[in-house]
Structures are given as C-alpha cells and as structure tokens.
Protein backbone atom coordinates (compact mmCIF):
# COMPACT_ATOMS: atom_id res chain seq x y z
CA MET A 1 13.99 1.01 86.61
CA SER A 2 11.10 1.37 84.19
CA THR A 3 10.64 4.05 81.68
CA SER A 4 7.45 5.23 80.01
CA HIS A 5 7.17 5.12 76.25
CA MET A 6 5.94 8.30 74.67
CA PRO A 7 4.68 8.61 71.12
CA CYS A 8 7.44 9.35 68.69
CA SER A 9 7.59 13.00 67.78
CA CYS A 10 10.69 12.75 65.63
CA PRO A 11 10.11 14.95 62.51
CA ARG A 12 12.07 12.70 60.28
CA LYS A 13 9.98 9.58 61.20
CA ALA A 14 6.78 11.55 60.94
CA SER A 15 7.82 12.75 57.54
CA ALA A 16 8.67 9.23 56.41
CA LEU A 17 5.24 7.99 57.61
CA SER A 18 3.55 10.80 55.81
CA ALA A 19 5.45 9.93 52.63
CA LEU A 20 4.27 6.31 52.91
CA GLY A 21 0.67 7.46 53.36
CA SER A 22 0.78 9.54 50.26
CA ARG A 23 2.37 6.92 48.01
CA PRO A 24 0.57 7.04 44.63
CA ARG A 25 -1.79 4.24 43.72
CA SER A 26 -0.95 1.75 41.00
CA THR A 27 -2.00 2.71 37.51
CA ARG A 28 -2.07 -0.91 36.41
CA SER A 29 -5.02 -1.96 34.16
CA PRO A 30 -7.91 -3.40 36.26
CA ARG A 31 -7.95 -6.40 33.89
CA SER A 32 -4.25 -7.30 33.59
CA ASN A 33 -3.15 -10.49 32.02
CA ARG A 34 -2.23 -11.90 35.38
CA GLU A 35 -5.70 -11.23 36.75
CA LYS A 36 -7.25 -12.81 33.69
CA ARG A 37 -5.12 -15.95 34.25
CA LYS A 38 -6.20 -15.99 37.92
CA GLU A 39 -9.85 -15.80 36.90
CA ALA A 40 -9.39 -18.59 34.42
CA LEU A 41 -7.70 -20.79 37.10
CA LYS A 42 -10.58 -20.00 39.49
CA LEU A 43 -13.02 -21.19 36.86
CA VAL A 44 -11.07 -24.42 36.44
CA THR A 45 -11.14 -24.97 40.25
CA ALA A 46 -14.83 -24.22 40.45
CA MET A 47 -15.53 -26.65 37.61
CA ALA A 48 -13.51 -29.37 39.30
CA ALA A 49 -16.42 -30.26 41.54
CA LYS A 50 -18.51 -30.97 38.40
CA GLN A 51 -17.56 -32.64 35.18
CA VAL A 52 -17.15 -30.42 32.24
CA LEU A 53 -17.25 -30.92 28.47
CA TYR A 54 -15.38 -28.10 26.71
CA ASP A 55 -17.00 -27.77 23.35
CA ILE A 56 -18.88 -25.48 20.92
CA PRO A 57 -22.05 -26.09 18.89
CA VAL A 58 -20.36 -26.40 15.46
CA SER A 59 -18.01 -29.15 16.67
CA ASN A 60 -19.11 -32.42 15.00
CA ASN A 61 -16.58 -34.37 17.07
CA GLY A 62 -17.79 -32.90 20.35
CA ALA A 63 -21.39 -33.34 19.28
CA ARG A 64 -21.15 -37.10 19.65
CA CYS A 65 -20.54 -36.52 23.40
CA ARG A 66 -23.38 -33.97 23.56
CA ILE A 67 -25.85 -36.52 22.11
CA ALA A 68 -24.90 -39.00 24.92
CA ILE A 69 -25.16 -36.28 27.57
CA TYR A 70 -28.59 -35.27 26.39
CA ALA A 71 -29.88 -38.79 25.84
CA LYS A 72 -28.80 -39.92 29.30
CA GLY A 73 -30.12 -36.80 31.00
CA LEU A 74 -26.73 -35.76 32.36
CA GLU A 75 -26.90 -32.03 32.02
CA ASP A 76 -27.22 -31.67 35.76
CA LYS A 77 -23.96 -33.65 36.19
CA ILE A 78 -21.92 -32.41 33.26
CA ASP A 79 -21.51 -28.77 32.21
CA ILE A 80 -20.97 -27.96 28.59
CA VAL A 81 -18.65 -24.94 28.42
CA SER A 82 -17.00 -23.10 25.58
CA PRO A 83 -13.20 -23.20 25.58
CA SER A 84 -13.30 -19.40 25.31
CA GLU A 85 -14.03 -19.47 29.05
CA LEU A 86 -10.40 -20.50 29.50
CA GLY A 87 -9.10 -18.13 26.84
CA GLY A 88 -9.52 -20.46 23.81
CA ILE A 89 -8.08 -23.82 22.83
CA LYS A 90 -4.55 -22.44 22.39
CA SER A 91 -4.49 -20.53 25.71
CA GLU A 92 -2.04 -21.56 28.41
CA GLU A 93 -4.86 -22.58 30.74
CA TYR A 94 -6.58 -24.77 28.21
CA MET A 95 -3.40 -26.46 27.00
CA LYS A 96 -2.57 -27.36 30.58
CA LEU A 97 -5.65 -29.63 30.35
CA ASN A 98 -5.20 -30.72 26.75
CA PRO A 99 -1.68 -30.38 25.42
CA TYR A 100 -2.93 -30.77 21.81
CA GLY A 101 -5.08 -27.67 22.10
CA LYS A 102 -8.13 -29.28 20.45
CA MET A 103 -11.79 -29.82 21.17
CA PRO A 104 -13.46 -31.53 22.78
CA LEU A 105 -11.97 -31.77 26.21
CA PHE A 106 -13.59 -33.48 29.25
CA THR A 107 -12.56 -32.84 32.85
CA THR A 108 -13.68 -35.29 35.47
CA GLY A 109 -12.39 -33.31 38.50
CA ASP A 110 -9.53 -35.86 38.89
CA ASP A 111 -8.44 -36.26 35.32
CA ASN A 112 -8.54 -34.68 31.88
CA ILE A 113 -9.77 -36.74 28.88
CA TYR A 114 -9.44 -35.76 25.23
CA GLU A 115 -10.24 -37.37 21.90
CA SER A 116 -13.99 -37.41 21.29
CA GLU A 117 -14.51 -41.17 21.02
CA VAL A 118 -12.56 -41.71 24.30
CA ILE A 119 -14.80 -39.12 26.04
CA LEU A 120 -17.92 -40.77 24.55
CA GLN A 121 -16.94 -44.16 25.78
CA TYR A 122 -16.13 -42.84 29.23
CA ILE A 123 -19.61 -41.29 29.51
CA LEU A 124 -21.27 -44.41 28.25
CA ASP A 125 -19.21 -46.52 30.77
CA LYS A 126 -19.49 -44.32 33.80
CA TYR A 127 -23.19 -43.64 33.40
CA ALA A 128 -24.14 -47.07 31.99
CA ASP A 129 -26.99 -47.44 34.49
CA VAL A 130 -28.19 -43.85 34.09
CA GLY A 131 -30.88 -42.87 31.59
CA MET A 132 -31.05 -44.36 28.11
CA ASN A 133 -29.04 -47.49 27.32
CA LEU A 134 -26.70 -46.86 24.43
CA SER A 135 -24.74 -50.13 24.64
CA LEU A 136 -25.84 -52.93 22.35
CA ALA A 137 -26.67 -56.43 23.65
CA THR A 138 -24.00 -58.73 22.23
CA PRO A 139 -20.19 -58.44 21.73
CA GLU A 140 -20.76 -58.81 17.99
CA GLU A 141 -23.13 -55.88 17.89
CA ARG A 142 -20.94 -53.77 20.01
CA ALA A 143 -17.91 -54.62 17.83
CA HIS A 144 -19.88 -53.60 14.69
CA SER A 145 -20.90 -50.31 16.22
CA ALA A 146 -17.29 -49.56 17.22
CA LEU A 147 -16.06 -50.49 13.73
CA CYS A 148 -18.45 -48.06 12.02
CA THR A 149 -17.20 -45.23 14.16
CA LYS A 150 -13.60 -46.31 13.71
CA ILE A 151 -13.90 -46.13 9.92
CA PHE A 152 -15.04 -42.56 10.13
CA ASP A 153 -12.45 -41.62 12.73
CA THR A 154 -9.61 -43.19 10.75
CA TYR A 155 -10.39 -42.54 7.10
CA MET A 156 -12.81 -39.58 7.06
CA GLN A 157 -12.36 -37.33 10.06
CA PRO A 158 -8.66 -36.52 9.30
CA ILE A 159 -9.61 -35.20 5.82
CA GLN A 160 -13.11 -33.79 6.48
CA GLY A 161 -11.50 -30.33 6.49
CA CYS A 162 -11.36 -30.59 2.67
CA MET A 163 -15.01 -29.44 2.83
CA TYR A 164 -14.39 -26.27 4.91
CA ARG A 165 -10.67 -25.45 5.48
CA LYS A 166 -7.81 -24.15 3.45
CA ALA A 167 -5.97 -26.73 1.33
CA GLU A 168 -2.52 -26.76 -0.29
CA SER A 169 -4.13 -26.99 -3.70
CA ALA A 170 -7.44 -27.64 -5.54
CA GLU A 171 -5.94 -31.04 -6.55
CA GLU A 172 -5.44 -32.08 -2.92
CA ARG A 173 -8.95 -30.93 -1.96
CA ALA A 174 -10.53 -32.84 -4.85
CA ALA A 175 -8.54 -35.96 -4.06
CA GLN A 176 -9.74 -35.89 -0.41
CA LEU A 177 -13.31 -35.27 -1.43
CA LYS A 178 -13.12 -38.45 -3.53
CA VAL A 179 -12.04 -40.41 -0.41
CA ILE A 180 -15.00 -38.91 1.47
CA ASP A 181 -17.34 -40.32 -1.16
CA GLU A 182 -15.66 -43.70 -1.25
CA ASN A 183 -16.00 -44.07 2.52
CA LEU A 184 -19.68 -43.03 2.48
CA HIS A 185 -20.16 -46.07 0.23
CA ILE A 186 -18.43 -48.27 2.73
CA LEU A 187 -20.56 -46.97 5.55
CA GLU A 188 -23.67 -47.58 3.39
CA ALA A 189 -22.76 -51.25 3.28
CA MET A 190 -22.43 -51.30 7.08
CA CYS A 191 -25.68 -49.48 7.83
CA SER A 192 -28.61 -51.64 8.98
CA ASP A 193 -31.27 -52.28 6.45
CA GLY A 194 -33.77 -52.79 9.16
CA GLY A 195 -33.03 -49.66 11.15
CA PRO A 196 -34.05 -47.23 12.25
CA TYR A 197 -30.72 -46.82 13.96
CA PHE A 198 -27.31 -47.41 12.34
CA CYS A 199 -26.90 -50.80 13.85
CA GLY A 200 -30.52 -51.87 14.03
CA SER A 201 -33.44 -51.46 16.36
CA GLN A 202 -31.48 -49.82 19.24
CA PRO A 203 -29.46 -46.57 19.34
CA SER A 204 -25.71 -47.02 20.05
CA GLY A 205 -22.43 -45.26 20.02
CA ALA A 206 -22.42 -45.46 16.22
CA ASP A 207 -25.33 -43.12 16.10
CA CYS A 208 -23.69 -40.69 18.43
CA GLY A 209 -20.36 -40.93 16.64
CA LEU A 210 -21.54 -40.67 13.06
CA PHE A 211 -24.68 -38.52 12.91
CA PRO A 212 -23.14 -35.06 13.67
CA SER A 213 -20.62 -35.48 10.85
CA PHE A 214 -23.43 -36.38 8.44
CA VAL A 215 -24.88 -32.91 9.17
CA PHE A 216 -21.55 -31.66 7.79
CA PHE A 217 -21.77 -33.91 4.74
CA GLN A 218 -25.27 -32.95 3.74
CA PHE A 219 -24.79 -29.17 4.32
CA MET A 220 -21.40 -28.83 2.77
CA LEU A 221 -21.62 -31.27 -0.13
CA GLU A 222 -25.02 -30.00 -1.23
CA GLU A 223 -24.92 -26.29 -0.35
CA GLN A 224 -21.28 -25.57 -1.00
CA PHE A 225 -20.00 -28.17 -3.50
CA GLY A 226 -23.26 -28.44 -5.45
CA TRP A 227 -24.16 -32.14 -5.08
CA ALA A 228 -27.83 -32.81 -5.87
CA ASP A 229 -27.86 -35.30 -3.04
CA ALA A 230 -25.13 -36.11 -0.57
CA PHE A 231 -26.57 -39.67 -0.36
CA TYR A 232 -27.21 -40.02 -4.09
CA ASP A 233 -26.91 -43.90 -4.20
CA LYS A 234 -26.87 -44.57 -0.45
CA PRO A 235 -30.51 -45.23 0.44
CA LEU A 236 -29.71 -46.79 3.89
CA LEU A 237 -27.59 -43.86 5.02
CA LYS A 238 -30.16 -41.40 3.69
CA LYS A 239 -33.07 -43.12 5.57
CA TRP A 240 -31.04 -43.38 8.79
CA TYR A 241 -29.89 -39.76 8.65
CA ASN A 242 -33.36 -38.35 7.96
CA TYR A 243 -34.76 -40.41 10.79
CA LEU A 244 -32.33 -38.88 13.29
CA LYS A 245 -32.51 -35.40 11.77
CA LYS A 246 -36.11 -34.84 12.64
CA SER A 247 -37.53 -36.47 15.79
CA ASP A 248 -40.42 -38.96 15.56
CA GLY A 249 -41.05 -38.28 19.25
CA SER A 250 -38.70 -40.92 20.56
CA GLU A 251 -36.32 -39.76 23.31
CA PHE A 252 -33.13 -40.43 21.35
CA THR A 253 -34.29 -38.66 18.14
CA LYS A 254 -35.23 -35.66 20.25
CA CYS A 255 -31.53 -35.47 21.22
CA THR A 256 -30.26 -35.91 17.66
CA GLU A 257 -32.60 -33.33 16.31
CA ARG A 258 -31.40 -30.89 19.03
CA VAL A 259 -27.80 -31.56 17.98
CA TYR A 260 -28.78 -31.18 14.29
CA GLY A 261 -30.09 -27.65 15.10
CA GLU A 262 -26.98 -26.72 17.04
CA ILE A 263 -24.68 -27.71 14.16
CA PHE A 264 -26.86 -26.48 11.31
CA ASP A 265 -27.32 -23.00 12.87
CA ALA A 266 -23.53 -22.76 13.40
CA LEU A 267 -22.85 -23.79 9.75
CA LYS A 268 -25.30 -21.13 8.54
CA ASP A 269 -23.31 -18.54 10.54
CA TRP A 270 -20.18 -19.76 8.78
CA GLU A 271 -21.94 -19.35 5.49
CA SER A 272 -23.10 -15.85 6.36
CA ASN A 273 -19.52 -14.92 7.28
CA GLY A 274 -18.21 -16.14 3.94
CA ARG A 275 -16.17 -19.03 5.26
CA TRP A 276 -16.14 -20.95 1.96
CA GLU A 277 -14.80 -17.85 0.14
CA VAL A 278 -12.26 -17.00 2.84
CA GLN A 279 -10.94 -20.53 3.01
CA GLY A 280 -10.32 -20.56 -0.75
CA ILE A 281 -12.96 -23.23 -1.52
CA LYS A 282 -15.05 -21.20 -3.95
CA ALA A 283 -11.90 -20.32 -5.90
CA HIS A 284 -10.83 -23.99 -6.05
CA LEU A 285 -14.27 -25.01 -7.39
CA GLN A 286 -13.53 -22.99 -10.48
CA GLU A 287 -10.57 -25.30 -11.29
CA ASP A 288 -10.99 -28.33 -13.52
CA PHE A 289 -11.37 -31.19 -11.08
CA LYS A 290 -14.23 -33.47 -10.13
CA TRP A 291 -16.27 -31.77 -7.38
CA VAL A 292 -19.71 -33.21 -7.78
CA TYR A 293 -20.67 -36.86 -7.38
CA PRO A 294 -21.86 -39.10 -8.94
C-alpha cells in the first residue's frame, strides 16, 4: 500500500529551518592569515610551471644569477620575484623552500636550489647552449674562474657585512675591513692583465660572481668609509670593474651595467634611509681604529 508524501508542515521543523536561514554571517576579516597562506601557496603552485629566482635588486649574491639570466636571454624562462611575494625570507612559506631563510632561492618546479654560486652554476649548466657562452674553453681556465669566485665566497662574503650591518664592536668591524682589503689585493693578483674580463678575453662565471660585490666595495668604502679610491693600488681590478660598470656596447657589459644600476639605486635608498647611522657604523668611525686604506 503506497502513501503520498506531503510537504512537512511541522511548526518545530519550520522554525528550525527558519533559524538556519537566518544564521549570522561570519565577521572574520576578509584577509585572514589562513587566506594569506593559501594565496602564497597558490603563488608557489603557479610558479612551479616556470623557474623562479627569488631575489631583490640590492642583493649582490643574487645579482650574480641575474647577470647570467640577462646575458643568456632567459627572462622568458625564469621569473625574478621578490621574496615578499611569499611573505618574506623568514615566512613559513619561504622557509619551506629554503630552510635557511636567505636569498637568493631558485625553484625549478621539481626542486629548490639555494646558495648563489650553486644557482649560478645550475643556470650555466642547464642553459649552456642558450644565448651567450659563459663557460671558458679549457679546464685550467675554468678552474681559475672558479677559484676567483671561491676566494670571495670563502674569505670576503662572510664578513662583507662589516661595511653595512651592525657589529659587536668597532674593533671587530675594523679587523674585518682589513681582511676585505687584504683579499682585494689577492684578487688583484688573479685578475687578467689582458682583460677586458676577469679571466681574459671572454666573460665567465667569475665576472658574474664578483662584479656585483665590487659595486658594494666602491660605494661603501668610498662613500661611507671615506676611502679616496677603493682600488687605490689595484689597477687591474679598477680597469676590469670600470669596464663592466658602464657598457661599451657589448652584450655582456649591457647586462653588467644593468645590474650596476639595480644595486647602486638600492644602495642610494639605503643611504637616504640612514642605514649607516642606524647600523652603528657612523658612530664606530669616530673610534680610533684604521678605517681608510692605504
């Protein structure tokens, strides 16, 4: 025996449905932290289809990678993105990709690569047959190029902050500045006397790896520490640096001049914002240590 089903007219059920329909809307902020994290993760997913260099203009370490990207014409294959797009280098999203929370960071879509020289060598290897050749002809030449960059990365990069960051004391800062000067002399002895590039007639990884930091050296040592000439008795370094600083029309120097502008403009912003006062450097310079070379 079948029965027909009539719409429910029960007052209690109707009342309950009415109450559900009138439930107040959430007052949660339209930009909650959870939503921000979701947006950041969406960005990572979107970027996964394209290689990404996370970096900013003032980064001298990241700039070595930017020179290679520009020189090889890879801007259609590699995006250059500020870490702020993921919430900054100490954000949860960024540190999932680089647990050290530093720049630069390179994402391939399948892997995450950090440490600037490793990123540079990956780019030069993966895109060896694309655009400009930045690999020297012989094993001996390539070893020399790698050694020049290694000297900077091992003995200078870890203490370059003495020129622009807080230090435990004026004495520590002055001691590290002395090491910077000593290693500039070592690099002078390794720089090609024929040029115009660091290792001779062809650009290489050494030019990519060293030039951006020399923008730091000239600007900071001369403008902030009062040196008359950052390359006071280093004519080969001076000639090489000035050649890359302003393009002669060659494709590689167009790229180094571009990077020079990126870094220099960012350093001028630091200066305008009083960085060398805020970091205690100007106060340290009043103490009785050797600040100016020679």
